[in-house]
Amino acid sequence: MSHNSKGKFINLSYIDKNMGRGKDKLMITYKFRAYPTPEQEKKLHEIFVIEAQLYNEMIKKVNEINTYDLKTTEKTLRQVIHDLESLWKGKIYSKAIYAVEEKLIANLKGLAQLKKKGKKVGSLKPKEKFTFLFYRQHGFKIDIDGVELSKFGKIKVLFHRPIEGKIKGVGIKLDKDNKWYVYVVSEITPKPLPKTGKVVAIDWGIEKLLTTSDGIAIQNPLILDKLEEKIKRLQKALSRKKKGSKNYEKTRIKLAKLYKYARNLINDYLHKVTTWLIENYDVIYVENIRVEKLIQINKAKKLRRHILQANYYKFLELLEYKAKLYGKQVIKVSPKNTSKKCSRCGYVNQKLTLNDRIFKCPKCGLEIDRDYNAALNILNAGVGRPKVPVERKPLLYISFSEGVYSKFPQ
């Protein structure tokens, strides 16, 4: 089993959540490079502007009706689509235009959730243009070298891998580095892997991406740290350019490509780490971490940046999805005192600080790697029975370069 970040598990949540799904089925999204002609690019940009105009009119109506009732909001938005039919009819496939409404509904739900959590939220901002066009269920046809879209035509696509399952939707997107991609949403049936009989707990961290209760530590590559100087140079150069000029656009694309390079590297790495975990363990215990809270309590700018770089939510999203796909379990446990509790005697060392990388128990004398100790506590919390820690034995350390080539222990 192997996964490539260019192929699967692309986060298009506002689409995936609205897709009709059969019982015991999963939605998966593939991403492929697309090569529209210059004429097609021009037409797509025109469509994106129309989508934005429609979206902005919808925002105005939402502000006017000022209601939290979802059915009333949806009815109002569909009326806007009908009233502005002359704007899009004949230019955009009718089913595709409703993806604009779904995007707005998803954004409104996101704001409502933030407000419910006590966050300060503003209003939705108008858009100059969209960068995405989506066809749900109908209006598209896929063949060996491209995608035929109703009211648009055929776009050349490089399908670098086969598409599994029943195709439920197709979209085309312009990325920040001005490259085009086609997304294919497919419904698939889970395919359980053979059971290994093994259970593990993992402690997610900053210095080490994760440490397992089996004594394996996997490096956090901190890719953005390594690219920091290049990023700063390009950001400084961009700030000196006139917005909208050719030089500004050239520099913006260079910066976007650099960020994309970093994102692809970490996503590929996370895919390989999560695949290894799923292939080797039947049950995986993780901490139920709130990253926002970690960022709030840690004031050091560098530490906060490293917390974000570790990308826990992405890691967990991939792990949980693959567990559903391959018949494994991911179970969350409370993170309370997992780092401060002795995994052997249960004593809680309240004096432990972030700088203490070795856990020393003043009660029973245990000396052990701090993250390994936490992983054992997570396992104890999940399984309910203690595992005897391996004192002073070095952890099996997996470097970034080994992880990139999937050189994990079996």
Protein backbone atom coordinates (compact mmCIF):
# COMPACT_ATOMS: atom_id res chain seq x y z
CA MET A 1 0.00 0.00 0.00
CA SER A 2 1.47 3.34 -0.99
CA HIS A 3 0.05 6.83 -1.19
CA ASN A 4 1.25 9.90 -3.00
CA SER A 5 0.15 13.38 -1.94
CA LYS A 6 -0.39 14.20 -5.62
CA GLY A 7 -2.97 11.43 -5.91
CA LYS A 8 -5.24 11.02 -2.91
CA PHE A 9 -6.71 12.53 0.22
CA ILE A 10 -6.90 16.09 -1.07
CA ASN A 11 -8.78 18.33 1.35
CA LEU A 12 -11.90 19.56 -0.41
CA SER A 13 -14.07 19.18 2.67
CA TYR A 14 -16.89 21.49 1.60
CA ILE A 15 -17.39 19.27 -1.45
CA ASP A 16 -16.83 15.89 0.22
CA LYS A 17 -19.31 16.60 3.03
CA ASN A 18 -22.07 17.38 0.54
CA MET A 19 -21.49 14.40 -1.73
CA GLY A 20 -24.09 11.63 -1.53
CA ARG A 21 -22.40 8.58 -0.03
CA GLY A 22 -23.54 4.94 0.04
CA LYS A 23 -23.55 2.83 3.18
CA ASP A 24 -20.06 1.69 4.24
CA LYS A 25 -18.52 3.81 1.47
CA LEU A 26 -15.76 6.42 1.61
CA MET A 27 -15.16 9.49 -0.50
CA ILE A 28 -11.67 9.96 -1.90
CA THR A 29 -10.27 12.79 -4.02
CA TYR A 30 -7.57 12.42 -6.70
CA LYS A 31 -5.49 15.31 -7.98
CA PHE A 32 -4.02 15.42 -11.51
CA ARG A 33 -2.14 18.05 -13.55
CA ALA A 34 -4.32 19.69 -16.20
CA TYR A 35 -3.19 21.52 -19.35
CA PRO A 36 -5.92 23.83 -20.70
CA THR A 37 -5.21 25.70 -23.93
CA PRO A 38 -4.74 29.51 -23.77
CA GLU A 39 -8.32 29.92 -25.04
CA GLN A 40 -9.61 27.58 -22.35
CA GLU A 41 -7.63 29.42 -19.67
CA LYS A 42 -9.24 32.69 -20.77
CA LYS A 43 -12.69 31.10 -20.62
CA LEU A 44 -12.00 29.63 -17.16
CA HIS A 45 -10.93 33.04 -15.83
CA GLU A 46 -14.18 34.50 -17.18
CA ILE A 47 -16.13 31.75 -15.40
CA PHE A 48 -14.24 32.41 -12.16
CA VAL A 49 -15.23 36.10 -12.32
CA ILE A 50 -18.90 35.15 -12.86
CA GLU A 51 -18.75 32.75 -9.90
CA ALA A 52 -17.33 35.53 -7.71
CA GLN A 53 -20.06 37.98 -8.81
CA LEU A 54 -22.69 35.41 -7.90
CA TYR A 55 -20.96 34.67 -4.57
CA ASN A 56 -20.80 38.38 -3.70
CA GLU A 57 -24.51 38.85 -4.45
CA MET A 58 -25.24 35.88 -2.20
CA ILE A 59 -23.25 37.48 0.64
CA LYS A 60 -25.34 40.65 0.29
CA LYS A 61 -28.57 38.62 0.53
CA VAL A 62 -27.31 36.66 3.54
CA ASN A 63 -26.52 39.94 5.32
CA GLU A 64 -29.95 41.31 4.42
CA ILE A 65 -32.01 38.36 5.72
CA ASN A 66 -29.79 38.06 8.83
CA THR A 67 -30.98 34.59 9.87
CA TYR A 68 -29.29 31.49 11.29
CA ASP A 69 -31.93 29.19 9.79
CA LEU A 70 -30.11 27.03 7.23
CA LYS A 71 -33.21 26.16 5.16
CA THR A 72 -34.17 29.84 4.80
CA THR A 73 -30.58 30.70 3.82
CA GLU A 74 -30.41 27.92 1.20
CA LYS A 75 -33.76 28.97 -0.28
CA THR A 76 -32.58 32.60 -0.49
CA LEU A 77 -29.29 31.63 -2.16
CA ARG A 78 -31.05 29.52 -4.78
CA GLN A 79 -33.32 32.45 -5.52
CA VAL A 80 -30.21 34.59 -6.14
CA ILE A 81 -28.96 31.95 -8.63
CA HIS A 82 -32.35 32.07 -10.38
CA ASP A 83 -32.54 35.89 -10.40
CA LEU A 84 -29.04 36.18 -11.89
CA GLU A 85 -29.60 33.49 -14.52
CA SER A 86 -28.72 35.91 -17.33
CA LEU A 87 -25.24 36.27 -15.80
CA TRP A 88 -24.29 32.60 -16.04
CA LYS A 89 -26.76 30.77 -18.30
CA GLY A 90 -25.10 29.42 -21.44
CA LYS A 91 -21.63 30.07 -19.96
CA ILE A 92 -21.58 27.71 -16.97
CA TYR A 93 -23.20 24.29 -16.64
CA SER A 94 -26.27 24.66 -14.38
CA LYS A 95 -25.24 21.92 -11.91
CA ALA A 96 -21.77 23.45 -11.56
CA ILE A 97 -23.14 26.83 -10.50
CA TYR A 98 -24.59 25.32 -7.30
CA ALA A 99 -21.06 24.60 -6.02
CA VAL A 100 -20.85 28.39 -5.41
CA GLU A 101 -23.83 28.16 -3.06
CA GLU A 102 -22.29 25.15 -1.28
CA LYS A 103 -19.01 27.04 -0.82
CA LEU A 104 -20.86 29.94 0.83
CA ILE A 105 -22.91 27.60 3.06
CA ALA A 106 -19.68 25.86 4.14
CA ASN A 107 -18.10 29.24 4.97
CA LEU A 108 -21.17 30.29 6.98
CA LYS A 109 -21.08 27.03 8.93
CA GLY A 110 -17.38 27.57 9.63
CA LEU A 111 -18.05 31.06 11.00
CA ALA A 112 -20.92 29.72 13.14
CA GLN A 113 -18.67 27.03 14.64
CA LEU A 114 -15.98 29.60 15.48
CA LYS A 115 -18.60 31.86 17.08
CA LYS A 116 -19.92 28.92 19.10
CA LYS A 117 -16.41 28.37 20.46
CA GLY A 118 -16.33 31.98 21.64
CA LYS A 119 -14.08 33.28 18.86
CA LYS A 120 -14.47 36.78 17.44
CA VAL A 121 -15.68 36.47 13.86
CA GLY A 122 -16.25 39.09 11.22
CA SER A 123 -18.36 38.89 8.09
CA LEU A 124 -17.59 37.08 4.86
CA LYS A 125 -15.48 39.08 2.44
CA PRO A 126 -16.38 39.54 -1.26
CA LYS A 127 -14.17 37.79 -3.82
CA GLU A 128 -12.65 39.25 -6.98
CA LYS A 129 -12.82 35.83 -8.62
CA PHE A 130 -12.95 32.13 -7.85
CA THR A 131 -10.19 29.66 -8.71
CA PHE A 132 -12.30 26.51 -8.81
CA LEU A 133 -15.08 25.03 -10.94
CA PHE A 134 -16.82 21.84 -9.79
CA TYR A 135 -19.21 19.41 -11.54
CA ARG A 136 -21.22 17.13 -9.25
CA GLN A 137 -22.60 13.79 -10.49
CA HIS A 138 -23.34 15.01 -14.04
CA GLY A 139 -21.91 17.13 -16.84
CA PHE A 140 -18.51 15.47 -17.21
CA LYS A 141 -16.88 12.59 -19.04
CA ILE A 142 -13.41 11.17 -18.37
CA ASP A 143 -11.33 9.41 -21.00
CA ILE A 144 -7.70 8.32 -21.28
CA ASP A 145 -6.15 11.76 -21.82
CA GLY A 146 -8.60 14.33 -20.52
CA VAL A 147 -11.90 15.46 -19.07
CA GLU A 148 -14.90 16.63 -21.10
CA LEU A 149 -16.90 19.30 -19.23
CA SER A 150 -20.41 20.31 -20.28
CA LYS A 151 -20.68 23.91 -21.63
CA PHE A 152 -16.89 24.06 -21.72
CA GLY A 153 -15.12 21.34 -23.73
CA LYS A 154 -12.33 18.84 -23.26
CA ILE A 155 -9.32 19.68 -21.08
CA LYS A 156 -6.09 17.71 -21.43
CA VAL A 157 -5.17 15.92 -18.17
CA LEU A 158 -2.18 13.79 -17.15
CA PHE A 159 -3.66 10.79 -15.30
CA HIS A 160 -0.57 9.46 -13.51
CA ARG A 161 -2.50 6.77 -11.63
CA PRO A 162 -5.73 4.78 -12.10
CA ILE A 163 -8.95 6.07 -10.51
CA GLU A 164 -10.66 3.61 -8.18
CA GLY A 165 -14.36 3.42 -7.34
CA LYS A 166 -17.42 5.22 -8.67
CA ILE A 167 -16.72 8.77 -9.88
CA LYS A 168 -19.05 11.28 -8.18
CA GLY A 169 -17.63 14.61 -9.28
CA VAL A 170 -14.93 16.47 -11.21
CA GLY A 171 -13.41 19.91 -10.64
CA ILE A 172 -10.71 22.11 -12.13
CA LYS A 173 -8.61 24.49 -10.02
CA LEU A 174 -5.96 27.15 -10.60
CA ASP A 175 -3.24 26.88 -7.94
CA LYS A 176 -1.35 29.84 -6.47
CA ASP A 177 1.68 29.05 -8.64
CA ASN A 178 -0.55 29.39 -11.76
CA LYS A 179 -0.66 25.64 -12.45
CA TRP A 180 -3.94 23.92 -13.27
CA TYR A 181 -5.23 20.75 -11.59
CA VAL A 182 -8.21 18.48 -12.11
CA TYR A 183 -9.80 16.91 -9.02
CA VAL A 184 -11.76 13.67 -9.29
CA VAL A 185 -14.01 12.74 -6.36
CA SER A 186 -14.71 9.02 -6.16
CA GLU A 187 -16.75 6.73 -3.90
CA ILE A 188 -14.86 3.63 -2.82
CA THR A 189 -15.45 0.55 -0.68
CA PRO A 190 -13.10 0.00 2.30
CA LYS A 191 -10.57 -2.80 1.76
CA PRO A 192 -9.34 -4.16 5.12
CA LEU A 193 -5.68 -5.16 5.45
CA PRO A 194 -4.64 -8.40 7.20
CA LYS A 195 -4.57 -8.05 11.00
CA THR A 196 -1.16 -7.76 12.65
CA GLY A 197 -2.31 -8.22 16.25
CA LYS A 198 -0.23 -5.17 17.25
CA VAL A 199 -1.30 -2.12 19.28
CA VAL A 200 0.66 1.13 19.59
CA ALA A 201 0.40 4.59 21.14
CA ILE A 202 2.05 7.67 19.67
CA ASP A 203 3.17 10.91 21.26
CA TRP A 204 3.04 13.75 18.73
CA GLY A 205 5.78 16.32 19.26
CA ILE A 206 7.86 19.20 17.97
CA GLU A 207 11.49 18.07 18.03
CA LYS A 208 10.42 14.56 17.06
CA LEU A 209 7.36 14.33 14.83
CA LEU A 210 6.20 11.36 16.86
CA THR A 211 7.46 8.77 19.33
CA THR A 212 5.82 5.38 19.65
CA SER A 213 5.26 3.17 22.69
CA ASP A 214 7.47 0.61 20.88
CA GLY A 215 10.41 2.99 21.27
CA ILE A 216 10.55 4.38 17.71
CA ALA A 217 11.14 8.11 17.18
CA ILE A 218 10.48 9.78 13.81
CA GLN A 219 12.17 13.07 12.94
CA ASN A 220 10.23 16.28 12.41
CA PRO A 221 11.93 17.74 9.31
CA LEU A 222 10.93 21.38 10.08
CA ILE A 223 11.12 22.09 6.36
CA LEU A 224 10.06 25.75 6.58
CA ASP A 225 12.97 26.43 8.94
CA LYS A 226 15.37 25.22 6.27
CA LEU A 227 13.71 27.43 3.67
CA GLU A 228 13.32 30.44 5.98
CA GLU A 229 16.06 32.60 4.41
CA LYS A 230 14.76 32.02 0.86
CA ILE A 231 11.21 32.81 1.96
CA LYS A 232 12.29 36.03 3.70
CA ARG A 233 14.24 37.16 0.62
CA LEU A 234 11.26 36.59 -1.67
CA GLN A 235 8.83 38.25 0.76
CA LYS A 236 11.10 41.29 0.96
CA ALA A 237 11.43 41.41 -2.84
CA LEU A 238 7.65 41.09 -3.22
CA SER A 239 7.02 43.99 -0.80
CA ARG A 240 9.18 46.24 -3.01
CA LYS A 241 7.27 45.46 -6.20
CA LYS A 242 4.20 47.33 -7.39
CA LYS A 243 1.14 45.15 -6.85
CA GLY A 244 -0.28 43.98 -10.17
CA SER A 245 2.93 44.56 -12.13
CA LYS A 246 4.68 41.81 -14.12
CA ASN A 247 7.62 41.76 -11.71
CA TYR A 248 5.23 41.51 -8.75
CA GLU A 249 3.50 38.53 -10.36
CA LYS A 250 6.81 36.80 -11.17
CA THR A 251 7.99 37.14 -7.56
CA ARG A 252 4.60 36.09 -6.18
CA ILE A 253 4.70 32.90 -8.27
CA LYS A 254 8.26 32.14 -7.09
CA LEU A 255 7.13 32.48 -3.47
CA ALA A 256 4.02 30.37 -4.10
CA LYS A 257 6.18 27.64 -5.69
CA LEU A 258 8.52 27.62 -2.69
CA TYR A 259 5.62 27.25 -0.24
CA LYS A 260 4.12 24.55 -2.44
CA TYR A 261 7.44 22.69 -2.53
CA ALA A 262 7.54 22.71 1.29
CA ARG A 263 3.89 21.66 1.55
CA ASN A 264 4.36 18.78 -0.90
CA LEU A 265 7.43 17.54 0.98
CA ILE A 266 5.70 17.45 4.37
CA ASN A 267 2.48 16.00 2.94
CA ASP A 268 4.39 13.21 1.22
CA TYR A 269 6.27 12.53 4.46
CA LEU A 270 3.04 12.42 6.49
CA HIS A 271 1.53 10.03 3.95
CA LYS A 272 4.47 7.65 4.34
CA VAL A 273 4.50 7.82 8.15
CA THR A 274 0.74 7.24 8.43
CA THR A 275 0.85 4.42 5.86
CA TRP A 276 3.57 2.68 7.89
CA LEU A 277 1.49 2.99 11.08
CA ILE A 278 -1.66 1.63 9.40
CA GLU A 279 0.17 -1.29 7.79
CA ASN A 280 1.87 -2.35 11.01
CA TYR A 281 -0.71 -1.78 13.75
CA ASP A 282 -4.37 -2.70 14.22
CA VAL A 283 -5.09 -0.15 16.95
CA ILE A 284 -3.37 3.24 17.28
CA TYR A 285 -3.86 5.41 20.35
CA VAL A 286 -3.30 9.17 19.99
CA GLU A 287 -3.77 12.20 22.22
CA ASN A 288 -6.88 14.30 21.72
CA ILE A 289 -4.83 17.48 21.24
CA ARG A 290 -6.21 20.98 20.71
CA VAL A 291 -3.46 22.66 18.70
CA GLU A 292 -5.05 26.13 19.15
CA LYS A 293 -4.70 25.78 22.92
CA LEU A 294 -1.04 24.75 22.58
CA ILE A 295 -0.34 27.85 20.49
CA GLN A 296 -2.12 30.11 23.01
CA ILE A 297 -0.17 28.84 26.04
CA ASN A 298 3.21 28.90 24.26
CA LYS A 299 4.28 32.51 23.70
CA ALA A 300 7.64 31.80 22.05
CA LYS A 301 7.28 32.65 18.35
CA LYS A 302 9.66 29.92 17.17
CA LEU A 303 7.92 27.23 19.22
CA ARG A 304 4.50 28.30 17.94
CA ARG A 305 5.81 28.11 14.37
CA HIS A 306 7.17 24.61 15.01
CA ILE A 307 3.82 23.49 16.45
CA LEU A 308 2.11 24.60 13.23
CA GLN A 309 4.82 23.00 11.07
CA ALA A 310 4.25 19.61 12.74
CA ASN A 311 0.76 19.80 11.18
CA TYR A 312 -1.02 17.56 13.70
CA TYR A 313 -4.49 17.97 12.15
CA LYS A 314 -3.24 16.90 8.72
CA PHE A 315 -1.43 13.94 10.27
CA LEU A 316 -4.58 12.91 12.18
CA GLU A 317 -6.81 13.43 9.13
CA LEU A 318 -4.65 11.07 7.06
CA LEU A 319 -4.33 8.53 9.87
CA GLU A 320 -8.08 8.38 10.58
CA TYR A 321 -8.98 8.22 6.88
CA LYS A 322 -6.58 5.37 6.18
CA ALA A 323 -7.78 3.54 9.29
CA LYS A 324 -11.36 3.63 7.92
CA LEU A 325 -10.16 2.59 4.48
CA TYR A 326 -8.06 -0.35 5.67
CA GLY A 327 -10.07 -1.63 8.65
CA LYS A 328 -7.88 -0.31 11.48
CA GLN A 329 -8.71 1.78 14.58
CA VAL A 330 -7.52 5.21 15.73
CA ILE A 331 -8.57 5.96 19.31
CA LYS A 332 -8.13 9.35 21.02
CA VAL A 333 -7.28 9.59 24.72
CA SER A 334 -7.05 12.55 27.08
CA PRO A 335 -3.65 14.32 26.95
CA LYS A 336 -3.84 15.25 30.64
CA ASN A 337 -0.46 14.68 32.36
CA THR A 338 0.80 12.26 29.69
CA SER A 339 4.15 14.09 29.66
CA LYS A 340 4.38 14.67 33.42
CA LYS A 341 3.27 11.26 34.74
CA CYS A 342 5.76 8.47 35.41
CA SER A 343 4.84 5.53 33.17
CA ARG A 344 6.15 3.08 35.78
CA CYS A 345 4.77 4.26 39.14
CA GLY A 346 2.20 6.91 38.13
CA TYR A 347 3.81 9.83 40.02
CA VAL A 348 3.00 13.22 38.42
CA ASN A 349 6.06 15.49 38.23
CA GLN A 350 4.56 19.00 38.14
CA LYS A 351 8.05 20.57 37.97
CA LEU A 352 8.76 19.14 34.52
CA THR A 353 9.38 21.87 31.91
CA LEU A 354 9.54 21.85 28.10
CA ASN A 355 13.34 22.03 28.34
CA ASP A 356 13.49 18.70 30.22
CA ARG A 357 13.97 16.13 27.46
CA ILE A 358 14.62 13.27 29.92
CA PHE A 359 11.87 12.34 32.37
CA LYS A 360 13.31 11.71 35.85
CA CYS A 361 10.91 10.34 38.44
CA PRO A 362 11.80 11.54 41.97
CA LYS A 363 9.66 8.75 43.46
CA CYS A 364 10.80 5.52 41.75
CA GLY A 365 13.99 6.77 40.05
CA LEU A 366 12.91 6.03 36.46
CA GLU A 367 14.99 7.91 33.85
CA ILE A 368 13.54 7.76 30.37
CA ASP A 369 13.12 9.82 27.19
CA ARG A 370 10.32 12.30 27.85
CA ASP A 371 8.39 11.58 24.63
CA TYR A 372 8.75 7.80 25.02
CA ASN A 373 7.40 8.13 28.58
CA ALA A 374 4.41 10.09 27.23
CA ALA A 375 3.75 7.43 24.54
CA LEU A 376 3.70 4.74 27.25
CA ASN A 377 1.23 6.81 29.29
CA ILE A 378 -1.01 7.20 26.23
CA LEU A 379 -0.89 3.43 25.74
CA ASN A 380 -1.72 2.88 29.44
CA ALA A 381 -4.67 5.29 29.17
CA GLY A 382 -5.96 3.50 26.07
CA VAL A 383 -5.32 -0.17 26.84
CA GLY A 384 -5.67 0.15 30.62
CA ARG A 385 -2.60 -1.88 31.48
CA PRO A 386 0.97 -0.70 32.07
CA LYS A 387 3.82 -1.56 29.73
CA VAL A 388 7.22 -1.88 31.36
CA PRO A 389 9.39 1.00 30.07
CA VAL A 390 12.81 0.29 28.61
CA GLU A 391 15.18 2.35 30.76
CA ARG A 392 18.21 4.04 29.19
CA LYS A 393 17.84 2.04 25.98
CA PRO A 394 18.24 4.43 23.01
CA LEU A 395 15.14 5.00 20.89
CA LEU A 396 15.18 3.71 17.32
CA TYR A 397 15.47 7.06 15.50
CA ILE A 398 14.07 7.35 11.97
CA SER A 399 15.52 10.36 10.14
CA PHE A 400 13.65 12.46 7.55
CA SER A 401 15.72 10.96 4.71
CA GLU A 402 14.85 7.43 5.87
CA GLY A 403 11.18 8.36 6.19
CA VAL A 404 11.09 9.84 2.68
CA TYR A 405 12.18 6.42 1.33
CA SER A 406 9.77 4.59 3.68
CA LYS A 407 12.62 2.91 5.60
CA PHE A 408 10.54 2.15 8.68
CA PRO A 409 10.87 -0.92 10.93
CA GLN A 410 8.41 -3.73 10.19
